């Protein structure tokens, strides 16, 4: 994982696309323990983690569960910001962090700026989303395989396994 103190560009985007995000976004400090998004809330913004670390968490069977820690360069809350559906996870700064906050309107402005840059950016977003879906599909396949092959218990898939897959489809793009 990257050094949390170093600033990083968003993963999976060209230098030009990353510069466009930084240009239209708002750089802001995030104190430790601050929620960037709460599970179940609707948001119109996503975040590029420039410095620090965040925790992706989800409530499973009434209990909070940590799913992943993400570092600089991670793109957070992109799917709910794009599709206007509620966040499937909560994202919380585990230490002081810096984010580039990009609203849906900011993103649409990038896409409308010029045809070539807008198309390149739309393709980059699509590729990032497909990669996230592939990772989640791989996670689901592995969870099913383990559940069916488990000698200790009858075949079943745990709620945490399914929550990880669901959350991975919606909330963050981290390497």
N, C-alpha and C. Protein backbone atom coordinates (compact mmCIF):
# COMPACT_ATOMS: atom_id res chain seq x y z
N UNK A 1 0.85 -1.17 0.00
CA UNK A 1 0.00 0.00 0.00
C UNK A 1 0.89 1.23 0.00
N UNK A 2 0.42 2.33 -0.57
CA UNK A 2 1.19 3.56 -0.66
C UNK A 2 1.41 4.18 0.71
N UNK A 3 2.44 5.01 0.79
CA UNK A 3 2.68 5.79 2.00
C UNK A 3 1.52 6.73 2.20
N UNK A 4 0.82 6.65 3.35
CA UNK A 4 -0.37 7.46 3.54
C UNK A 4 -0.09 8.96 3.55
N UNK A 5 1.15 9.36 3.78
CA UNK A 5 1.46 10.78 3.81
C UNK A 5 1.69 11.35 2.42
N UNK A 6 1.98 10.49 1.44
CA UNK A 6 2.22 11.01 0.10
C UNK A 6 0.89 11.24 -0.61
N UNK A 7 0.90 12.23 -1.51
CA UNK A 7 -0.32 12.49 -2.28
C UNK A 7 -0.25 11.68 -3.55
N UNK A 8 -1.40 11.24 -4.01
CA UNK A 8 -1.45 10.35 -5.15
C UNK A 8 -2.57 10.75 -6.09
N UNK A 9 -2.37 10.46 -7.36
CA UNK A 9 -3.40 10.68 -8.36
C UNK A 9 -4.34 9.48 -8.36
N UNK A 10 -5.54 9.68 -8.90
CA UNK A 10 -6.49 8.57 -8.95
C UNK A 10 -5.97 7.43 -9.81
N UNK A 11 -6.10 6.22 -9.30
CA UNK A 11 -5.64 5.04 -10.03
C UNK A 11 -6.53 4.79 -11.24
N UNK A 12 -5.90 4.37 -12.33
CA UNK A 12 -6.65 3.97 -13.50
C UNK A 12 -7.00 5.10 -14.45
N UNK A 13 -6.55 6.31 -14.16
CA UNK A 13 -6.83 7.44 -15.03
C UNK A 13 -5.52 7.96 -15.60
N UNK A 14 -5.57 8.51 -16.83
CA UNK A 14 -4.39 9.12 -17.42
C UNK A 14 -4.04 10.38 -16.64
N UNK A 15 -2.86 10.90 -16.87
CA UNK A 15 -2.45 12.15 -16.21
C UNK A 15 -3.42 13.27 -16.57
N UNK A 16 -3.85 13.33 -17.81
CA UNK A 16 -4.80 14.36 -18.26
C UNK A 16 -6.13 14.24 -17.52
N UNK A 17 -6.63 13.00 -17.39
CA UNK A 17 -7.91 12.78 -16.71
C UNK A 17 -7.80 13.09 -15.22
N UNK A 18 -6.68 12.67 -14.61
CA UNK A 18 -6.46 12.97 -13.19
C UNK A 18 -6.39 14.47 -12.97
N UNK A 19 -5.70 15.18 -13.88
CA UNK A 19 -5.60 16.63 -13.77
C UNK A 19 -6.98 17.28 -13.88
N UNK A 20 -7.83 16.75 -14.74
CA UNK A 20 -9.20 17.29 -14.88
C UNK A 20 -9.98 17.11 -13.59
N UNK A 21 -9.85 15.95 -12.94
CA UNK A 21 -10.53 15.73 -11.67
C UNK A 21 -10.05 16.72 -10.61
N UNK A 22 -8.74 16.90 -10.55
CA UNK A 22 -8.17 17.82 -9.56
C UNK A 22 -8.61 19.25 -9.87
N UNK A 23 -8.68 19.59 -11.14
CA UNK A 23 -9.07 20.95 -11.54
C UNK A 23 -10.50 21.27 -11.15
N UNK A 24 -11.43 20.34 -11.36
CA UNK A 24 -12.84 20.64 -11.07
C UNK A 24 -13.23 20.30 -9.64
N UNK A 25 -12.46 19.44 -9.01
CA UNK A 25 -12.79 19.03 -7.65
C UNK A 25 -12.33 20.05 -6.63
N UNK A 26 -12.73 19.80 -5.41
CA UNK A 26 -12.37 20.67 -4.29
C UNK A 26 -11.47 19.87 -3.35
N UNK A 27 -10.23 20.31 -3.19
CA UNK A 27 -9.31 19.64 -2.28
C UNK A 27 -9.66 20.06 -0.86
N UNK A 28 -9.82 19.06 0.01
CA UNK A 28 -10.16 19.42 1.38
C UNK A 28 -9.60 18.42 2.37
N UNK A 29 -9.23 18.93 3.54
CA UNK A 29 -8.75 18.04 4.60
C UNK A 29 -9.93 17.31 5.23
N UNK A 30 -9.67 16.11 5.69
CA UNK A 30 -10.69 15.31 6.36
C UNK A 30 -10.11 14.83 7.69
N UNK A 31 -10.66 15.32 8.80
CA UNK A 31 -10.16 14.88 10.10
C UNK A 31 -10.38 13.37 10.31
N UNK A 32 -9.54 12.77 11.12
CA UNK A 32 -9.68 11.35 11.46
C UNK A 32 -11.08 11.08 12.00
N UNK A 33 -11.63 9.94 11.67
CA UNK A 33 -12.94 9.44 12.10
C UNK A 33 -14.12 10.11 11.38
N UNK A 34 -13.86 10.99 10.43
CA UNK A 34 -14.93 11.66 9.68
C UNK A 34 -15.50 10.71 8.64
N UNK A 35 -16.84 10.65 8.54
CA UNK A 35 -17.50 9.86 7.51
C UNK A 35 -17.56 10.66 6.22
N UNK A 36 -17.09 10.05 5.12
CA UNK A 36 -17.24 10.67 3.80
C UNK A 36 -18.59 10.30 3.21
N UNK A 37 -19.05 9.10 3.49
CA UNK A 37 -20.41 8.69 3.11
C UNK A 37 -20.88 7.65 4.10
N UNK A 38 -22.17 7.61 4.30
CA UNK A 38 -22.77 6.68 5.25
C UNK A 38 -23.64 5.68 4.49
N UNK A 39 -23.50 4.44 4.84
CA UNK A 39 -24.30 3.36 4.24
C UNK A 39 -25.78 3.76 4.28
N UNK A 40 -26.43 3.67 3.12
CA UNK A 40 -27.85 3.99 3.02
C UNK A 40 -28.16 5.41 2.59
N UNK A 41 -27.15 6.31 2.68
CA UNK A 41 -27.37 7.69 2.25
C UNK A 41 -27.16 7.82 0.75
N UNK A 42 -27.84 8.79 0.16
CA UNK A 42 -27.65 9.11 -1.26
C UNK A 42 -26.65 10.25 -1.33
N UNK A 43 -25.73 10.18 -2.28
CA UNK A 43 -24.72 11.21 -2.42
C UNK A 43 -24.62 11.67 -3.87
N UNK A 44 -24.20 12.90 -4.06
CA UNK A 44 -23.99 13.41 -5.42
C UNK A 44 -22.51 13.70 -5.65
N UNK A 45 -21.64 13.10 -4.83
CA UNK A 45 -20.21 13.36 -4.97
C UNK A 45 -19.40 12.10 -4.72
N UNK A 46 -18.22 12.10 -5.32
CA UNK A 46 -17.27 11.03 -5.04
C UNK A 46 -15.96 11.67 -4.64
N UNK A 47 -15.02 10.85 -4.21
CA UNK A 47 -13.79 11.36 -3.63
C UNK A 47 -12.59 10.62 -4.20
N UNK A 48 -11.53 11.37 -4.44
CA UNK A 48 -10.24 10.79 -4.75
C UNK A 48 -9.39 11.00 -3.50
N UNK A 49 -8.92 9.91 -2.93
CA UNK A 49 -8.11 10.00 -1.72
C UNK A 49 -6.70 10.43 -2.11
N UNK A 50 -6.34 11.67 -1.77
CA UNK A 50 -5.02 12.21 -2.12
C UNK A 50 -3.97 11.81 -1.09
N UNK A 51 -4.36 11.75 0.18
CA UNK A 51 -3.41 11.38 1.25
C UNK A 51 -4.21 10.80 2.41
N UNK A 52 -3.59 9.90 3.15
CA UNK A 52 -4.24 9.30 4.31
C UNK A 52 -4.83 7.93 3.99
N UNK A 53 -5.62 7.45 4.93
CA UNK A 53 -6.23 6.12 4.81
C UNK A 53 -7.70 6.22 5.19
N UNK A 54 -8.53 5.43 4.51
CA UNK A 54 -9.94 5.35 4.85
C UNK A 54 -10.33 3.89 5.01
N UNK A 55 -11.38 3.68 5.78
CA UNK A 55 -11.92 2.33 6.00
C UNK A 55 -13.26 2.24 5.30
N UNK A 56 -13.44 1.15 4.58
CA UNK A 56 -14.73 0.83 3.97
C UNK A 56 -15.41 -0.12 4.93
N UNK A 57 -16.61 0.22 5.38
CA UNK A 57 -17.31 -0.62 6.35
C UNK A 57 -18.76 -0.82 5.95
N UNK A 58 -19.36 -1.86 6.49
CA UNK A 58 -20.74 -2.21 6.18
C UNK A 58 -21.36 -2.84 7.41
N UNK A 59 -22.65 -2.60 7.59
CA UNK A 59 -23.37 -3.26 8.67
C UNK A 59 -23.88 -4.60 8.15
N UNK A 60 -23.51 -5.67 8.84
CA UNK A 60 -23.90 -7.02 8.44
C UNK A 60 -24.58 -7.66 9.63
N UNK A 61 -25.83 -8.05 9.45
CA UNK A 61 -26.62 -8.65 10.52
C UNK A 61 -26.59 -7.79 11.77
N UNK A 62 -26.67 -6.45 11.58
CA UNK A 62 -26.72 -5.51 12.69
C UNK A 62 -25.38 -5.14 13.30
N UNK A 63 -24.30 -5.71 12.82
CA UNK A 63 -22.97 -5.44 13.37
C UNK A 63 -22.09 -4.73 12.35
N UNK A 64 -21.33 -3.71 12.77
CA UNK A 64 -20.41 -3.05 11.84
C UNK A 64 -19.22 -3.97 11.52
N UNK A 65 -18.87 -4.04 10.24
CA UNK A 65 -17.77 -4.89 9.78
C UNK A 65 -16.86 -4.05 8.88
N UNK A 66 -15.56 -4.12 9.13
CA UNK A 66 -14.58 -3.46 8.28
C UNK A 66 -14.30 -4.36 7.08
N UNK A 67 -14.47 -3.82 5.87
CA UNK A 67 -14.26 -4.62 4.67
C UNK A 67 -12.89 -4.41 4.05
N UNK A 68 -12.40 -3.16 4.11
CA UNK A 68 -11.12 -2.86 3.47
C UNK A 68 -10.59 -1.52 3.95
N UNK A 69 -9.28 -1.40 3.96
CA UNK A 69 -8.61 -0.12 4.19
C UNK A 69 -8.03 0.31 2.84
N UNK A 70 -8.30 1.56 2.44
CA UNK A 70 -7.83 2.08 1.16
C UNK A 70 -6.86 3.22 1.39
N UNK A 71 -5.88 3.34 0.49
CA UNK A 71 -4.88 4.38 0.59
C UNK A 71 -4.96 5.37 -0.56
N UNK A 72 -3.97 6.24 -0.64
CA UNK A 72 -3.95 7.29 -1.65
C UNK A 72 -4.13 6.75 -3.07
N UNK A 73 -4.87 7.51 -3.87
CA UNK A 73 -5.17 7.13 -5.25
C UNK A 73 -6.50 6.43 -5.40
N UNK A 74 -7.09 5.98 -4.29
CA UNK A 74 -8.38 5.29 -4.35
C UNK A 74 -9.49 6.26 -4.73
N UNK A 75 -10.39 5.78 -5.56
CA UNK A 75 -11.58 6.55 -5.95
C UNK A 75 -12.73 5.96 -5.15
N UNK A 76 -13.38 6.79 -4.34
CA UNK A 76 -14.37 6.34 -3.37
C UNK A 76 -15.75 6.89 -3.69
N UNK A 77 -16.77 6.05 -3.55
CA UNK A 77 -18.18 6.44 -3.70
C UNK A 77 -18.54 6.83 -5.12
N UNK A 78 -17.80 6.35 -6.09
CA UNK A 78 -18.07 6.72 -7.48
C UNK A 78 -19.43 6.22 -7.96
N UNK A 79 -19.72 4.95 -7.72
CA UNK A 79 -20.97 4.39 -8.23
C UNK A 79 -22.21 5.09 -7.67
N UNK A 80 -22.33 5.29 -6.36
CA UNK A 80 -23.53 5.99 -5.88
C UNK A 80 -23.61 7.43 -6.37
N UNK A 81 -22.47 8.07 -6.58
CA UNK A 81 -22.50 9.44 -7.11
C UNK A 81 -22.99 9.45 -8.54
N UNK A 82 -22.69 8.40 -9.29
CA UNK A 82 -23.11 8.34 -10.69
C UNK A 82 -24.56 7.89 -10.85
N UNK A 83 -24.96 6.85 -10.10
CA UNK A 83 -26.30 6.28 -10.35
C UNK A 83 -27.37 6.78 -9.39
N UNK A 84 -27.00 7.60 -8.43
CA UNK A 84 -27.92 8.20 -7.47
C UNK A 84 -28.64 7.19 -6.58
N UNK A 85 -28.10 5.97 -6.50
CA UNK A 85 -28.62 4.98 -5.56
C UNK A 85 -27.90 5.16 -4.23
N UNK A 86 -28.49 4.68 -3.14
CA UNK A 86 -27.84 4.83 -1.83
C UNK A 86 -26.49 4.11 -1.77
N UNK A 87 -25.61 4.65 -0.93
CA UNK A 87 -24.30 4.02 -0.69
C UNK A 87 -24.53 2.66 -0.04
N UNK A 88 -23.80 1.66 -0.47
CA UNK A 88 -23.94 0.33 0.12
C UNK A 88 -22.95 0.12 1.25
N UNK A 89 -22.05 1.08 1.45
CA UNK A 89 -21.06 1.01 2.51
C UNK A 89 -20.89 2.40 3.13
N UNK A 90 -20.17 2.43 4.24
CA UNK A 90 -19.74 3.69 4.82
C UNK A 90 -18.24 3.82 4.56
N UNK A 91 -17.80 5.05 4.34
CA UNK A 91 -16.38 5.33 4.14
C UNK A 91 -15.97 6.34 5.20
N UNK A 92 -14.98 5.95 6.02
CA UNK A 92 -14.56 6.76 7.17
C UNK A 92 -13.05 6.92 7.15
N UNK A 93 -12.59 8.15 7.38
CA UNK A 93 -11.15 8.40 7.50
C UNK A 93 -10.64 7.75 8.78
N UNK A 94 -9.63 6.90 8.68
CA UNK A 94 -9.07 6.27 9.87
C UNK A 94 -7.94 7.11 10.46
N UNK A 95 -7.50 8.08 9.70
CA UNK A 95 -6.50 9.03 10.14
C UNK A 95 -6.78 10.31 9.36
N UNK A 96 -6.11 11.39 9.73
CA UNK A 96 -6.28 12.62 8.97
C UNK A 96 -5.98 12.33 7.51
N UNK A 97 -6.82 12.84 6.63
CA UNK A 97 -6.68 12.55 5.21
C UNK A 97 -6.93 13.82 4.40
N UNK A 98 -6.62 13.72 3.12
CA UNK A 98 -6.94 14.78 2.17
C UNK A 98 -7.65 14.13 1.00
N UNK A 99 -8.77 14.71 0.58
CA UNK A 99 -9.51 14.19 -0.56
C UNK A 99 -9.71 15.29 -1.59
N UNK A 100 -9.92 14.86 -2.81
CA UNK A 100 -10.43 15.73 -3.86
C UNK A 100 -11.89 15.34 -3.99
N UNK A 101 -12.78 16.26 -3.66
CA UNK A 101 -14.22 16.01 -3.70
C UNK A 101 -14.75 16.48 -5.06
N UNK A 102 -15.39 15.57 -5.78
CA UNK A 102 -15.89 15.87 -7.12
C UNK A 102 -17.40 15.60 -7.13
N UNK A 103 -18.18 16.60 -7.46
CA UNK A 103 -19.63 16.41 -7.51
C UNK A 103 -20.02 15.81 -8.87
N UNK A 104 -21.22 15.27 -8.92
CA UNK A 104 -21.75 14.74 -10.18
C UNK A 104 -21.75 15.85 -11.23
N UNK A 105 -22.14 17.08 -10.83
CA UNK A 105 -22.16 18.21 -11.78
C UNK A 105 -20.75 18.51 -12.30
N UNK A 106 -19.74 18.42 -11.41
CA UNK A 106 -18.35 18.62 -11.83
C UNK A 106 -17.96 17.58 -12.88
N UNK A 107 -18.32 16.33 -12.61
CA UNK A 107 -17.99 15.25 -13.53
C UNK A 107 -18.67 15.46 -14.87
N UNK A 108 -19.94 15.83 -14.85
CA UNK A 108 -20.66 16.07 -16.11
C UNK A 108 -20.04 17.23 -16.87
N UNK A 109 -19.52 18.23 -16.15
CA UNK A 109 -18.84 19.35 -16.82
C UNK A 109 -17.59 18.87 -17.54
N UNK A 110 -16.84 17.95 -16.92
CA UNK A 110 -15.66 17.38 -17.58
C UNK A 110 -16.08 16.66 -18.85
N UNK A 111 -17.14 15.87 -18.74
CA UNK A 111 -17.59 15.08 -19.89
C UNK A 111 -18.08 15.97 -21.03
N UNK A 112 -18.62 17.15 -20.70
CA UNK A 112 -19.16 18.05 -21.71
C UNK A 112 -18.14 19.05 -22.24
N UNK A 113 -16.97 19.15 -21.60
CA UNK A 113 -15.99 20.17 -21.95
C UNK A 113 -15.58 20.11 -23.42
N UNK A 114 -15.02 19.02 -23.80
CA UNK A 114 -14.71 18.83 -25.22
C UNK A 114 -14.91 17.35 -25.52
N UNK A 115 -15.31 17.10 -26.74
CA UNK A 115 -15.71 15.75 -27.13
C UNK A 115 -14.62 14.73 -26.86
N UNK A 116 -13.38 15.04 -27.24
CA UNK A 116 -12.29 14.06 -27.09
C UNK A 116 -12.00 13.77 -25.63
N UNK A 117 -11.83 14.81 -24.82
CA UNK A 117 -11.54 14.58 -23.41
C UNK A 117 -12.72 13.91 -22.72
N UNK A 118 -13.95 14.33 -23.04
CA UNK A 118 -15.13 13.73 -22.44
C UNK A 118 -15.23 12.25 -22.76
N UNK A 119 -14.97 11.90 -24.01
CA UNK A 119 -15.02 10.49 -24.41
C UNK A 119 -13.92 9.69 -23.71
N UNK A 120 -12.70 10.24 -23.67
CA UNK A 120 -11.61 9.55 -22.97
C UNK A 120 -11.96 9.31 -21.51
N UNK A 121 -12.53 10.32 -20.89
CA UNK A 121 -12.88 10.21 -19.47
C UNK A 121 -14.00 9.20 -19.26
N UNK A 122 -15.01 9.22 -20.13
CA UNK A 122 -16.11 8.26 -20.02
C UNK A 122 -15.58 6.83 -20.18
N UNK A 123 -14.64 6.64 -21.09
CA UNK A 123 -14.05 5.31 -21.28
C UNK A 123 -13.29 4.90 -20.02
N UNK A 124 -12.51 5.81 -19.44
CA UNK A 124 -11.75 5.49 -18.22
C UNK A 124 -12.70 5.10 -17.09
N UNK A 125 -13.80 5.84 -16.92
CA UNK A 125 -14.78 5.49 -15.89
C UNK A 125 -15.40 4.13 -16.14
N UNK A 126 -15.69 3.85 -17.39
CA UNK A 126 -16.28 2.56 -17.75
C UNK A 126 -15.31 1.42 -17.45
N UNK A 127 -14.06 1.60 -17.83
CA UNK A 127 -13.05 0.56 -17.58
C UNK A 127 -12.88 0.34 -16.07
N UNK A 128 -12.82 1.42 -15.28
CA UNK A 128 -12.69 1.27 -13.83
C UNK A 128 -13.89 0.52 -13.26
N UNK A 129 -15.08 0.85 -13.73
CA UNK A 129 -16.28 0.17 -13.24
C UNK A 129 -16.28 -1.31 -13.62
N UNK A 130 -15.87 -1.61 -14.82
CA UNK A 130 -15.81 -3.02 -15.26
C UNK A 130 -14.79 -3.78 -14.42
N UNK A 131 -13.65 -3.16 -14.15
CA UNK A 131 -12.63 -3.83 -13.30
C UNK A 131 -13.19 -4.12 -11.92
N UNK A 132 -13.93 -3.16 -11.36
CA UNK A 132 -14.54 -3.38 -10.05
C UNK A 132 -15.55 -4.52 -10.09
N UNK A 133 -16.36 -4.57 -11.13
CA UNK A 133 -17.34 -5.65 -11.27
C UNK A 133 -16.64 -7.00 -11.45
N UNK A 134 -15.56 -7.02 -12.20
CA UNK A 134 -14.81 -8.28 -12.37
C UNK A 134 -14.24 -8.75 -11.03
N UNK A 135 -13.67 -7.82 -10.25
CA UNK A 135 -13.13 -8.22 -8.94
C UNK A 135 -14.24 -8.78 -8.06
N UNK A 136 -15.41 -8.11 -8.08
CA UNK A 136 -16.51 -8.58 -7.25
C UNK A 136 -17.04 -9.93 -7.73
N UNK A 137 -17.08 -10.12 -9.03
CA UNK A 137 -17.49 -11.42 -9.56
C UNK A 137 -16.51 -12.50 -9.16
N UNK A 138 -15.22 -12.19 -9.21
CA UNK A 138 -14.20 -13.15 -8.76
C UNK A 138 -14.38 -13.46 -7.27
N UNK A 139 -14.66 -12.42 -6.46
CA UNK A 139 -14.89 -12.63 -5.03
C UNK A 139 -16.10 -13.54 -4.81
N UNK A 140 -17.17 -13.31 -5.57
CA UNK A 140 -18.37 -14.13 -5.44
C UNK A 140 -18.08 -15.58 -5.83
N UNK A 141 -17.37 -15.76 -6.94
CA UNK A 141 -17.04 -17.12 -7.38
C UNK A 141 -16.20 -17.84 -6.31
N UNK A 142 -15.24 -17.13 -5.73
CA UNK A 142 -14.41 -17.73 -4.69
C UNK A 142 -15.23 -18.06 -3.45
N UNK A 143 -16.14 -17.16 -3.05
CA UNK A 143 -16.99 -17.43 -1.88
C UNK A 143 -17.88 -18.65 -2.12
N UNK A 144 -18.44 -18.76 -3.31
CA UNK A 144 -19.29 -19.91 -3.64
C UNK A 144 -18.45 -21.19 -3.64
N UNK A 145 -17.28 -21.15 -4.25
CA UNK A 145 -16.41 -22.31 -4.29
C UNK A 145 -16.06 -22.78 -2.88
N UNK A 146 -15.64 -21.83 -2.03
CA UNK A 146 -15.28 -22.19 -0.66
C UNK A 146 -16.47 -22.76 0.10
N UNK A 147 -17.64 -22.15 -0.11
CA UNK A 147 -18.83 -22.63 0.60
C UNK A 147 -19.19 -24.05 0.17
N UNK A 148 -19.06 -24.34 -1.09
CA UNK A 148 -19.41 -25.67 -1.59
C UNK A 148 -18.36 -26.72 -1.27
N UNK A 149 -17.13 -26.31 -1.05
CA UNK A 149 -16.04 -27.24 -0.79
C UNK A 149 -15.72 -27.40 0.69
N UNK A 150 -16.39 -26.67 1.56
CA UNK A 150 -16.07 -26.67 2.98
C UNK A 150 -16.42 -28.01 3.62
N UNK A 151 -15.43 -28.73 4.18
CA UNK A 151 -15.73 -29.99 4.84
C UNK A 151 -16.30 -29.79 6.25
N UNK A 152 -16.13 -28.58 6.83
CA UNK A 152 -16.54 -28.35 8.21
C UNK A 152 -18.03 -28.08 8.37
N UNK A 153 -18.69 -27.69 7.34
CA UNK A 153 -20.09 -27.29 7.49
C UNK A 153 -20.83 -27.56 6.19
N UNK A 154 -22.14 -27.61 6.28
CA UNK A 154 -22.91 -27.76 5.05
C UNK A 154 -22.68 -26.54 4.14
N UNK A 155 -22.83 -26.71 2.85
CA UNK A 155 -22.60 -25.60 1.93
C UNK A 155 -23.46 -24.37 2.28
N UNK A 156 -22.78 -23.26 2.49
CA UNK A 156 -23.46 -21.99 2.71
C UNK A 156 -22.48 -20.87 2.42
N UNK A 157 -23.03 -19.72 2.13
CA UNK A 157 -22.21 -18.53 1.89
C UNK A 157 -22.52 -17.58 3.02
N UNK A 158 -21.49 -17.09 3.66
CA UNK A 158 -21.67 -16.19 4.79
C UNK A 158 -22.14 -14.81 4.36
N UNK A 159 -22.84 -14.16 5.26
CA UNK A 159 -23.33 -12.81 5.00
C UNK A 159 -22.18 -11.86 4.71
N UNK A 160 -21.06 -12.04 5.39
CA UNK A 160 -19.91 -11.16 5.18
C UNK A 160 -19.35 -11.33 3.76
N UNK A 161 -19.33 -12.56 3.25
CA UNK A 161 -18.87 -12.80 1.88
C UNK A 161 -19.75 -12.05 0.88
N UNK A 162 -21.04 -12.19 1.05
CA UNK A 162 -21.97 -11.54 0.12
C UNK A 162 -21.93 -10.02 0.26
N UNK A 163 -21.77 -9.52 1.47
CA UNK A 163 -21.67 -8.07 1.68
C UNK A 163 -20.44 -7.51 0.99
N UNK A 164 -19.33 -8.23 1.08
CA UNK A 164 -18.09 -7.79 0.42
C UNK A 164 -18.30 -7.69 -1.08
N UNK A 165 -18.96 -8.68 -1.66
CA UNK A 165 -19.22 -8.67 -3.10
C UNK A 165 -20.14 -7.50 -3.47
N UNK A 166 -21.24 -7.35 -2.73
CA UNK A 166 -22.18 -6.26 -3.02
C UNK A 166 -21.50 -4.91 -2.90
N UNK A 167 -20.77 -4.71 -1.84
CA UNK A 167 -20.11 -3.43 -1.61
C UNK A 167 -19.06 -3.16 -2.69
N UNK A 168 -18.34 -4.18 -3.08
CA UNK A 168 -17.32 -4.01 -4.12
C UNK A 168 -17.89 -3.59 -5.46
N UNK A 169 -19.12 -3.90 -5.71
CA UNK A 169 -19.78 -3.50 -6.94
C UNK A 169 -20.17 -2.02 -6.94
N UNK A 170 -20.20 -1.40 -5.79
CA UNK A 170 -20.82 -0.08 -5.72
C UNK A 170 -19.94 1.04 -5.20
N UNK A 171 -18.95 0.79 -4.37
CA UNK A 171 -18.47 1.89 -3.55
C UNK A 171 -17.07 2.41 -3.86
N UNK A 172 -16.12 1.60 -4.14
CA UNK A 172 -14.76 2.11 -4.22
C UNK A 172 -14.00 1.44 -5.35
N UNK A 173 -12.99 2.11 -5.80
CA UNK A 173 -12.09 1.59 -6.81
C UNK A 173 -10.68 1.73 -6.27
N UNK A 174 -10.21 0.69 -5.66
CA UNK A 174 -8.86 0.69 -5.09
C UNK A 174 -8.09 -0.47 -5.71
N UNK A 175 -6.82 -0.30 -5.81
CA UNK A 175 -6.01 -1.36 -6.41
C UNK A 175 -5.90 -2.55 -5.48
